[in-house]
Amino acid sequence: SPPGLLLLTSFLLHVKEDRASPTRLVCDNRLIQKYILEAKDMEKRVGQCQALPALRCPAVLPLVDFTFLQWKSKSNETKRREILCDLALLVGAAAGAQGQVSDECGARQLSQLYRHANSFFLLLQTFSWEAGHWEPSCSPHSMEQTHITSIFLTYRQLVQGKLRFFFYDLAKVSCK
């Protein structure tokens, strides 16, 4: 998938080889703004699809809201792990919804969301400040939704919120 592959490639090209720490990726604020605009665009386009059915099996979505003071008090590694948990649920929700949507418009948007969320997921697994790797056994706060548009709303909120602030925090450390 060219957009997902391009996203992942651009991320990986901007990671230092000596240790998995981001460089130009987080230092160039235009990149995260681009991903926010893409998330908004996907959400808008899925809203324009004709009569999307309710999901038979509800999608389990992460609760991605946060308070800025709580977020600030966490280490970058804790933030990374939290976002990975959120992305794991989103990738699973998009994959599950794809199997339930026969509408071409909705299926196309879900496929794009899946690729983008999975690219972020794969990328964030390469960044690590603590010993050990991310374990898929996390249990973020979640909710069940039967509306396909909720998956897109959650993804946009994650990119616009936690992911944007995470990149901002990394930029303060990595960009001179």
N, C-alpha and C. Protein backbone atom coordinates (compact mmCIF):
# COMPACT_ATOMS: atom_id res chain seq x y z
N SER A 1 0.84 -1.18 0.00
CA SER A 1 0.00 0.00 0.00
C SER A 1 0.88 1.24 0.00
N PRO A 2 0.94 1.97 -1.09
CA PRO A 2 1.85 3.11 -1.20
C PRO A 2 1.76 4.14 -0.08
N PRO A 3 0.57 4.64 0.33
CA PRO A 3 0.57 5.66 1.40
C PRO A 3 1.11 5.12 2.72
N GLY A 4 0.71 3.91 3.10
CA GLY A 4 1.19 3.32 4.35
C GLY A 4 2.67 3.03 4.29
N LEU A 5 3.11 2.51 3.16
CA LEU A 5 4.53 2.21 2.98
C LEU A 5 5.35 3.49 2.98
N LEU A 6 4.83 4.53 2.33
CA LEU A 6 5.52 5.82 2.31
C LEU A 6 5.64 6.39 3.71
N LEU A 7 4.56 6.30 4.49
CA LEU A 7 4.57 6.80 5.87
C LEU A 7 5.63 6.06 6.68
N LEU A 8 5.62 4.75 6.61
CA LEU A 8 6.58 3.95 7.37
C LEU A 8 8.01 4.24 6.91
N THR A 9 8.20 4.31 5.60
CA THR A 9 9.54 4.58 5.06
C THR A 9 10.05 5.94 5.52
N SER A 10 9.18 6.96 5.47
CA SER A 10 9.63 8.28 5.90
C SER A 10 10.00 8.29 7.37
N PHE A 11 9.25 7.53 8.18
CA PHE A 11 9.58 7.43 9.59
C PHE A 11 10.94 6.76 9.77
N LEU A 12 11.11 5.62 9.12
CA LEU A 12 12.33 4.84 9.32
C LEU A 12 13.56 5.55 8.78
N LEU A 13 13.40 6.35 7.74
CA LEU A 13 14.54 7.10 7.21
C LEU A 13 14.99 8.20 8.16
N HIS A 14 14.12 8.59 9.07
CA HIS A 14 14.45 9.67 9.98
C HIS A 14 14.82 9.19 11.37
N VAL A 15 15.12 7.91 11.51
CA VAL A 15 15.51 7.36 12.80
C VAL A 15 17.03 7.20 12.79
N LYS A 16 17.67 7.66 13.84
CA LYS A 16 19.12 7.50 13.93
C LYS A 16 19.47 6.03 14.03
N GLU A 17 20.57 5.64 13.41
CA GLU A 17 20.95 4.23 13.42
C GLU A 17 21.56 3.82 14.75
N ASP A 18 22.26 4.70 15.43
CA ASP A 18 22.97 4.31 16.64
C ASP A 18 22.00 3.95 17.78
N ARG A 19 20.92 4.62 17.90
CA ARG A 19 19.88 4.27 18.87
C ARG A 19 18.56 4.74 18.29
N ALA A 20 17.51 4.05 18.60
CA ALA A 20 16.22 4.35 17.97
C ALA A 20 15.63 5.64 18.54
N SER A 21 16.19 6.75 18.12
CA SER A 21 15.64 8.03 18.57
C SER A 21 15.31 8.84 17.33
N PRO A 22 14.18 9.49 17.29
CA PRO A 22 13.76 10.21 16.10
C PRO A 22 14.59 11.46 15.88
N THR A 23 14.75 11.83 14.63
CA THR A 23 15.48 13.07 14.33
C THR A 23 14.56 14.00 13.56
N ARG A 24 14.75 14.12 12.25
CA ARG A 24 13.96 15.08 11.48
C ARG A 24 12.47 14.80 11.54
N LEU A 25 12.08 13.55 11.75
CA LEU A 25 10.66 13.22 11.83
C LEU A 25 9.95 14.10 12.83
N VAL A 26 10.48 14.18 14.04
CA VAL A 26 9.84 14.98 15.07
C VAL A 26 10.29 16.43 15.04
N CYS A 27 11.43 16.68 14.40
CA CYS A 27 11.94 18.04 14.35
C CYS A 27 11.21 18.90 13.32
N ASP A 28 10.62 18.26 12.33
CA ASP A 28 9.87 18.98 11.31
C ASP A 28 8.38 18.91 11.64
N ASN A 29 7.87 19.94 12.26
CA ASN A 29 6.48 20.01 12.71
C ASN A 29 5.49 19.83 11.56
N ARG A 30 5.94 20.07 10.34
CA ARG A 30 5.03 19.95 9.19
C ARG A 30 4.57 18.50 9.00
N LEU A 31 5.41 17.54 9.38
CA LEU A 31 5.03 16.14 9.20
C LEU A 31 3.82 15.76 10.05
N ILE A 32 3.84 16.07 11.34
CA ILE A 32 2.71 15.70 12.19
C ILE A 32 1.47 16.48 11.77
N GLN A 33 1.66 17.73 11.32
CA GLN A 33 0.51 18.49 10.82
C GLN A 33 -0.09 17.81 9.59
N LYS A 34 0.76 17.25 8.75
CA LYS A 34 0.29 16.51 7.56
C LYS A 34 -0.53 15.31 7.99
N TYR A 35 -0.07 14.57 9.00
CA TYR A 35 -0.80 13.38 9.45
C TYR A 35 -2.12 13.76 10.12
N ILE A 36 -2.15 14.90 10.80
CA ILE A 36 -3.40 15.38 11.40
C ILE A 36 -4.40 15.72 10.29
N LEU A 37 -3.94 16.41 9.26
CA LEU A 37 -4.82 16.76 8.14
C LEU A 37 -5.33 15.51 7.44
N GLU A 38 -4.47 14.51 7.27
CA GLU A 38 -4.89 13.25 6.65
C GLU A 38 -5.95 12.55 7.50
N ALA A 39 -5.77 12.56 8.82
CA ALA A 39 -6.76 11.94 9.71
C ALA A 39 -8.10 12.67 9.61
N LYS A 40 -8.06 14.00 9.57
CA LYS A 40 -9.30 14.78 9.43
C LYS A 40 -9.96 14.48 8.09
N ASP A 41 -9.15 14.37 7.04
CA ASP A 41 -9.67 14.10 5.70
C ASP A 41 -10.33 12.72 5.64
N MET A 42 -9.70 11.72 6.24
CA MET A 42 -10.29 10.37 6.27
C MET A 42 -11.63 10.39 7.00
N GLU A 43 -11.66 11.11 8.13
CA GLU A 43 -12.89 11.19 8.92
C GLU A 43 -14.00 11.88 8.10
N LYS A 44 -13.64 12.92 7.38
CA LYS A 44 -14.61 13.64 6.56
C LYS A 44 -15.11 12.74 5.43
N ARG A 45 -14.20 12.04 4.76
CA ARG A 45 -14.58 11.20 3.62
C ARG A 45 -15.46 10.03 4.04
N VAL A 46 -15.19 9.42 5.20
CA VAL A 46 -16.04 8.31 5.62
C VAL A 46 -17.43 8.81 5.98
N GLY A 47 -17.51 10.05 6.46
CA GLY A 47 -18.81 10.65 6.75
C GLY A 47 -19.63 10.91 5.50
N GLN A 48 -18.98 10.96 4.36
CA GLN A 48 -19.67 11.19 3.09
C GLN A 48 -20.10 9.89 2.41
N CYS A 49 -19.69 8.75 2.96
CA CYS A 49 -20.09 7.46 2.39
C CYS A 49 -21.60 7.27 2.59
N GLN A 50 -22.22 6.59 1.68
CA GLN A 50 -23.66 6.35 1.75
C GLN A 50 -24.01 5.37 2.86
N ALA A 51 -24.92 5.73 3.71
CA ALA A 51 -25.54 4.89 4.74
C ALA A 51 -24.68 3.71 5.21
N LEU A 52 -23.67 4.00 5.98
CA LEU A 52 -22.84 2.92 6.52
C LEU A 52 -23.64 2.16 7.58
N PRO A 53 -23.62 0.83 7.53
CA PRO A 53 -24.38 0.06 8.51
C PRO A 53 -23.69 0.08 9.87
N ALA A 54 -24.47 -0.19 10.91
CA ALA A 54 -23.88 -0.34 12.24
C ALA A 54 -23.08 -1.64 12.23
N LEU A 55 -22.03 -1.68 13.00
CA LEU A 55 -21.20 -2.90 13.08
C LEU A 55 -21.95 -3.97 13.87
N ARG A 56 -21.98 -5.19 13.34
CA ARG A 56 -22.61 -6.31 14.05
C ARG A 56 -21.82 -6.65 15.30
N CYS A 57 -20.51 -6.69 15.15
CA CYS A 57 -19.61 -6.90 16.29
C CYS A 57 -19.01 -5.53 16.63
N PRO A 58 -19.31 -5.00 17.79
CA PRO A 58 -18.81 -3.66 18.12
C PRO A 58 -17.28 -3.58 18.08
N ALA A 59 -16.79 -2.43 17.67
CA ALA A 59 -15.35 -2.17 17.66
C ALA A 59 -14.94 -1.74 19.06
N VAL A 60 -13.84 -2.30 19.56
CA VAL A 60 -13.29 -1.90 20.85
C VAL A 60 -12.28 -0.80 20.57
N LEU A 61 -12.60 0.40 21.06
CA LEU A 61 -11.76 1.57 20.79
C LEU A 61 -11.13 2.10 22.07
N PRO A 62 -9.91 2.60 21.97
CA PRO A 62 -9.27 3.18 23.16
C PRO A 62 -9.90 4.53 23.51
N LEU A 63 -9.90 4.84 24.78
CA LEU A 63 -10.29 6.18 25.21
C LEU A 63 -9.01 7.00 25.16
N VAL A 64 -8.92 7.93 24.23
CA VAL A 64 -7.66 8.62 23.97
C VAL A 64 -7.59 10.02 24.57
N ASP A 65 -8.62 10.42 25.31
CA ASP A 65 -8.56 11.74 25.93
C ASP A 65 -7.57 11.71 27.10
N PHE A 66 -7.05 12.87 27.45
CA PHE A 66 -6.07 12.97 28.53
C PHE A 66 -6.03 14.40 29.03
N THR A 67 -5.48 14.56 30.21
CA THR A 67 -5.26 15.92 30.70
C THR A 67 -3.80 16.26 30.45
N PHE A 68 -3.57 17.49 30.10
CA PHE A 68 -2.21 17.91 29.76
C PHE A 68 -1.26 17.73 30.95
N LEU A 69 -1.71 18.04 32.15
CA LEU A 69 -0.84 17.90 33.34
C LEU A 69 -0.45 16.44 33.57
N GLN A 70 -1.41 15.53 33.41
CA GLN A 70 -1.10 14.10 33.55
C GLN A 70 -0.09 13.68 32.49
N TRP A 71 -0.33 14.12 31.26
CA TRP A 71 0.54 13.75 30.14
C TRP A 71 1.96 14.24 30.38
N LYS A 72 2.09 15.48 30.83
CA LYS A 72 3.40 16.08 31.07
C LYS A 72 4.21 15.32 32.12
N SER A 73 3.53 14.73 33.08
CA SER A 73 4.21 14.06 34.18
C SER A 73 4.75 12.68 33.82
N LYS A 74 4.41 12.17 32.64
CA LYS A 74 4.83 10.82 32.24
C LYS A 74 6.16 10.87 31.50
N SER A 75 6.91 9.78 31.58
CA SER A 75 8.16 9.67 30.81
C SER A 75 7.81 9.43 29.35
N ASN A 76 8.75 9.71 28.46
CA ASN A 76 8.52 9.47 27.04
C ASN A 76 8.25 7.99 26.77
N GLU A 77 8.91 7.12 27.50
CA GLU A 77 8.69 5.68 27.31
C GLU A 77 7.27 5.30 27.73
N THR A 78 6.77 5.85 28.81
CA THR A 78 5.40 5.58 29.26
C THR A 78 4.41 6.10 28.23
N LYS A 79 4.67 7.29 27.70
CA LYS A 79 3.79 7.85 26.66
C LYS A 79 3.80 6.95 25.43
N ARG A 80 4.97 6.50 25.02
CA ARG A 80 5.10 5.64 23.85
C ARG A 80 4.29 4.36 24.04
N ARG A 81 4.43 3.74 25.20
CA ARG A 81 3.71 2.49 25.47
C ARG A 81 2.20 2.71 25.49
N GLU A 82 1.77 3.82 26.03
CA GLU A 82 0.34 4.14 26.07
C GLU A 82 -0.21 4.32 24.66
N ILE A 83 0.53 5.03 23.83
CA ILE A 83 0.10 5.23 22.44
C ILE A 83 0.11 3.91 21.69
N LEU A 84 1.10 3.06 21.94
CA LEU A 84 1.13 1.74 21.30
C LEU A 84 -0.12 0.93 21.65
N CYS A 85 -0.53 0.98 22.91
CA CYS A 85 -1.75 0.27 23.33
C CYS A 85 -2.96 0.81 22.58
N ASP A 86 -3.04 2.14 22.50
CA ASP A 86 -4.15 2.77 21.79
C ASP A 86 -4.15 2.37 20.31
N LEU A 87 -2.98 2.40 19.69
CA LEU A 87 -2.88 2.05 18.27
C LEU A 87 -3.21 0.58 18.04
N ALA A 88 -2.80 -0.31 18.96
CA ALA A 88 -3.12 -1.73 18.82
C ALA A 88 -4.63 -1.94 18.78
N LEU A 89 -5.35 -1.25 19.66
CA LEU A 89 -6.82 -1.35 19.64
C LEU A 89 -7.40 -0.78 18.36
N LEU A 90 -6.88 0.35 17.92
CA LEU A 90 -7.39 0.97 16.69
C LEU A 90 -7.14 0.10 15.46
N VAL A 91 -5.96 -0.48 15.37
CA VAL A 91 -5.64 -1.36 14.24
C VAL A 91 -6.59 -2.56 14.26
N GLY A 92 -6.80 -3.13 15.44
CA GLY A 92 -7.73 -4.25 15.56
C GLY A 92 -9.16 -3.87 15.22
N ALA A 93 -9.59 -2.68 15.65
CA ALA A 93 -10.95 -2.22 15.36
C ALA A 93 -11.13 -2.00 13.86
N ALA A 94 -10.13 -1.40 13.21
CA ALA A 94 -10.22 -1.16 11.77
C ALA A 94 -10.25 -2.49 11.01
N ALA A 95 -9.42 -3.43 11.41
CA ALA A 95 -9.39 -4.74 10.75
C ALA A 95 -10.73 -5.46 10.94
N GLY A 96 -11.27 -5.43 12.15
CA GLY A 96 -12.55 -6.08 12.41
C GLY A 96 -13.69 -5.44 11.65
N ALA A 97 -13.67 -4.13 11.55
CA ALA A 97 -14.73 -3.41 10.84
C ALA A 97 -14.65 -3.67 9.35
N GLN A 98 -13.43 -3.82 8.82
CA GLN A 98 -13.28 -4.07 7.38
C GLN A 98 -14.05 -5.32 6.97
N GLY A 99 -14.03 -6.34 7.82
CA GLY A 99 -14.74 -7.58 7.51
C GLY A 99 -16.25 -7.45 7.58
N GLN A 100 -16.73 -6.36 8.13
CA GLN A 100 -18.17 -6.16 8.28
C GLN A 100 -18.76 -5.14 7.32
N VAL A 101 -17.92 -4.47 6.56
CA VAL A 101 -18.38 -3.40 5.68
C VAL A 101 -18.26 -3.84 4.23
N SER A 102 -19.39 -3.87 3.55
CA SER A 102 -19.37 -4.25 2.13
C SER A 102 -19.37 -3.01 1.24
N ASP A 103 -19.76 -1.86 1.78
CA ASP A 103 -19.77 -0.61 1.03
C ASP A 103 -18.34 -0.27 0.59
N GLU A 104 -18.15 -0.02 -0.70
CA GLU A 104 -16.81 0.25 -1.24
C GLU A 104 -16.18 1.49 -0.62
N CYS A 105 -16.97 2.53 -0.46
CA CYS A 105 -16.46 3.79 0.11
C CYS A 105 -15.96 3.57 1.54
N GLY A 106 -16.78 2.95 2.37
CA GLY A 106 -16.40 2.69 3.76
C GLY A 106 -15.21 1.75 3.87
N ALA A 107 -15.21 0.72 3.02
CA ALA A 107 -14.11 -0.26 3.04
C ALA A 107 -12.79 0.40 2.64
N ARG A 108 -12.84 1.29 1.66
CA ARG A 108 -11.63 1.98 1.20
C ARG A 108 -11.07 2.87 2.32
N GLN A 109 -11.95 3.61 3.01
CA GLN A 109 -11.50 4.48 4.09
C GLN A 109 -10.96 3.67 5.26
N LEU A 110 -11.62 2.56 5.60
CA LEU A 110 -11.12 1.70 6.69
C LEU A 110 -9.75 1.13 6.36
N SER A 111 -9.57 0.75 5.10
CA SER A 111 -8.28 0.22 4.67
C SER A 111 -7.18 1.27 4.83
N GLN A 112 -7.49 2.50 4.45
CA GLN A 112 -6.50 3.59 4.58
C GLN A 112 -6.19 3.86 6.05
N LEU A 113 -7.23 3.90 6.89
CA LEU A 113 -7.02 4.13 8.32
C LEU A 113 -6.17 3.00 8.91
N TYR A 114 -6.47 1.77 8.53
CA TYR A 114 -5.70 0.63 9.02
C TYR A 114 -4.23 0.79 8.66
N ARG A 115 -3.94 1.14 7.41
CA ARG A 115 -2.54 1.29 6.98
C ARG A 115 -1.83 2.39 7.76
N HIS A 116 -2.49 3.53 7.94
CA HIS A 116 -1.87 4.65 8.65
C HIS A 116 -1.63 4.31 10.12
N ALA A 117 -2.65 3.77 10.79
CA ALA A 117 -2.51 3.42 12.21
C ALA A 117 -1.45 2.33 12.40
N ASN A 118 -1.42 1.36 11.51
CA ASN A 118 -0.44 0.29 11.61
C ASN A 118 0.98 0.81 11.36
N SER A 119 1.12 1.78 10.47
CA SER A 119 2.44 2.38 10.23
C SER A 119 2.95 3.09 11.47
N PHE A 120 2.08 3.86 12.14
CA PHE A 120 2.47 4.50 13.40
C PHE A 120 2.82 3.44 14.45
N PHE A 121 2.03 2.38 14.49
CA PHE A 121 2.25 1.30 15.45
C PHE A 121 3.64 0.68 15.24
N LEU A 122 3.95 0.35 14.00
CA LEU A 122 5.25 -0.26 13.68
C LEU A 122 6.40 0.71 13.99
N LEU A 123 6.20 1.97 13.65
CA LEU A 123 7.22 2.98 13.91
C LEU A 123 7.51 3.11 15.40
N LEU A 124 6.47 3.26 16.20
CA LEU A 124 6.68 3.49 17.63
C LEU A 124 7.30 2.30 18.33
N GLN A 125 7.18 1.12 17.74
CA GLN A 125 7.86 -0.05 18.31
C GLN A 125 9.37 0.07 18.17
N THR A 126 9.84 0.87 17.20
CA THR A 126 11.28 1.01 17.01
C THR A 126 11.91 1.99 17.98
N PHE A 127 11.11 2.85 18.61
CA PHE A 127 11.62 3.80 19.59
C PHE A 127 11.55 3.17 20.96
N SER A 128 12.66 3.14 21.68
CA SER A 128 12.62 2.59 23.03
C SER A 128 13.71 3.22 23.87
N TRP A 129 13.36 3.60 25.08
CA TRP A 129 14.33 4.20 25.99
C TRP A 129 14.62 3.29 27.17
N GLU A 130 13.79 2.28 27.37
CA GLU A 130 13.98 1.36 28.49
C GLU A 130 14.31 -0.02 27.96
N ALA A 131 14.89 -0.84 28.82
CA ALA A 131 15.19 -2.21 28.42
C ALA A 131 13.88 -2.95 28.15
N GLY A 132 13.92 -3.87 27.22
CA GLY A 132 12.73 -4.64 26.91
C GLY A 132 11.93 -4.00 25.79
N HIS A 133 11.02 -4.76 25.28
CA HIS A 133 10.19 -4.29 24.18
C HIS A 133 8.74 -4.22 24.62
N TRP A 134 7.94 -3.54 23.81
CA TRP A 134 6.54 -3.39 24.10
C TRP A 134 5.87 -4.76 24.08
N GLU A 135 5.04 -5.00 25.07
CA GLU A 135 4.29 -6.25 25.15
C GLU A 135 2.83 -5.96 24.81
N PRO A 136 2.23 -6.81 23.99
CA PRO A 136 0.84 -6.56 23.59
C PRO A 136 -0.17 -6.88 24.68
N SER A 137 0.26 -7.01 25.92
CA SER A 137 -0.65 -7.38 27.00
C SER A 137 -1.20 -6.17 27.75
N CYS A 138 -1.03 -4.98 27.20
CA CYS A 138 -1.53 -3.79 27.89
C CYS A 138 -3.06 -3.76 27.83
N SER A 139 -3.63 -3.08 28.77
CA SER A 139 -5.10 -2.98 28.76
C SER A 139 -5.51 -1.52 28.96
N PRO A 140 -5.52 -0.77 27.85
CA PRO A 140 -5.91 0.63 27.96
C PRO A 140 -7.40 0.75 28.26
N HIS A 141 -7.80 1.90 28.71
CA HIS A 141 -9.23 2.15 28.91
C HIS A 141 -9.88 2.12 27.53
N SER A 142 -11.01 1.44 27.44
CA SER A 142 -11.63 1.30 26.13
C SER A 142 -13.15 1.38 26.23
N MET A 143 -13.76 1.45 25.05
CA MET A 143 -15.22 1.48 24.94
C MET A 143 -15.59 0.72 23.68
N GLU A 144 -16.81 0.22 23.63
CA GLU A 144 -17.30 -0.45 22.43
C GLU A 144 -18.18 0.51 21.65
N GLN A 145 -18.01 0.50 20.34
CA GLN A 145 -18.80 1.37 19.46
C GLN A 145 -19.30 0.57 18.27
N THR A 146 -20.50 0.85 17.83
CA THR A 146 -21.03 0.18 16.64
C THR A 146 -21.03 1.09 15.42
N HIS A 147 -20.63 2.34 15.59
CA HIS A 147 -20.59 3.28 14.47
C HIS A 147 -19.18 3.31 13.88
N ILE A 148 -19.09 3.07 12.60
CA ILE A 148 -17.80 3.06 11.91
C ILE A 148 -17.10 4.41 12.05
N THR A 149 -17.88 5.49 12.03
CA THR A 149 -17.29 6.83 12.12
C THR A 149 -16.55 7.03 13.45
N SER A 150 -16.93 6.29 14.49
CA SER A 150 -16.25 6.40 15.79
C SER A 150 -14.79 5.97 15.70
N ILE A 151 -14.49 5.02 14.82
CA ILE A 151 -13.11 4.56 14.64
C ILE A 151 -12.27 5.71 14.09
N PHE A 152 -12.82 6.44 13.13
CA PHE A 152 -12.11 7.56 12.52
C PHE A 152 -11.96 8.73 13.49
N LEU A 153 -13.00 8.98 14.26
CA LEU A 153 -12.94 10.04 15.27
C LEU A 153 -11.85 9.74 16.29
N THR A 154 -11.80 8.50 16.76
CA THR A 154 -10.80 8.11 17.75
C THR A 154 -9.39 8.23 17.17
N TYR A 155 -9.20 7.79 15.93
CA TYR A 155 -7.88 7.89 15.30
C TYR A 155 -7.45 9.36 15.18
N ARG A 156 -8.37 10.23 14.71
CA ARG A 156 -8.04 11.65 14.58
C ARG A 156 -7.68 12.24 15.94
N GLN A 157 -8.46 11.91 16.97
CA GLN A 157 -8.18 12.44 18.30
C GLN A 157 -6.83 11.96 18.81
N LEU A 158 -6.46 10.71 18.51
CA LEU A 158 -5.17 10.18 18.94
C LEU A 158 -4.03 10.91 18.24
N VAL A 159 -4.14 11.08 16.92
CA VAL A 159 -3.08 11.76 16.17
C VAL A 159 -2.99 13.23 16.58
N GLN A 160 -4.13 13.87 16.73
CA GLN A 160 -4.18 15.29 17.06
C GLN A 160 -3.77 15.54 18.52
N GLY A 161 -3.94 14.57 19.37
CA GLY A 161 -3.67 14.73 20.80
C GLY A 161 -2.37 14.08 21.22
N LYS A 162 -2.47 12.85 21.71
CA LYS A 162 -1.31 12.17 22.29
C LYS A 162 -0.12 12.10 21.34
N LEU A 163 -0.36 11.72 20.08
CA LEU A 163 0.76 11.56 19.15
C LEU A 163 1.44 12.89 18.85
N ARG A 164 0.65 13.93 18.66
CA ARG A 164 1.22 15.26 18.39
C ARG A 164 2.06 15.74 19.58
N PHE A 165 1.52 15.60 20.79
CA PHE A 165 2.26 16.03 21.97
C PHE A 165 3.48 15.15 22.23
N PHE A 166 3.38 13.87 21.90
CA PHE A 166 4.52 12.97 22.04
C PHE A 166 5.65 13.42 21.11
N PHE A 167 5.32 13.70 19.85
CA PHE A 167 6.33 14.18 18.92
C PHE A 167 6.90 15.51 19.37
N TYR A 168 6.07 16.37 19.91
CA TYR A 168 6.53 17.66 20.43
C TYR A 168 7.54 17.45 21.57
N ASP A 169 7.22 16.52 22.49
CA ASP A 169 8.13 16.22 23.59
C ASP A 169 9.44 15.64 23.09
N LEU A 170 9.36 14.77 22.08
CA LEU A 170 10.59 14.19 21.51
C LEU A 170 11.42 15.27 20.83
N ALA A 171 10.76 16.22 20.20
CA ALA A 171 11.48 17.30 19.50
C ALA A 171 12.29 18.14 20.49
N LYS A 172 11.75 18.36 21.69
CA LYS A 172 12.48 19.14 22.69
C LYS A 172 13.79 18.46 23.08
N VAL A 173 13.79 17.13 23.03
CA VAL A 173 14.98 16.35 23.43
C VAL A 173 15.92 16.14 22.23
N SER A 174 15.34 15.89 21.05
CA SER A 174 16.13 15.46 19.90
C SER A 174 16.57 16.56 18.95
N CYS A 175 15.90 17.69 18.96
CA CYS A 175 16.16 18.72 17.96
C CYS A 175 16.95 19.87 18.57
N LYS A 176 18.07 20.14 18.01
CA LYS A 176 18.91 21.23 18.50
C LYS A 176 18.97 22.33 17.47
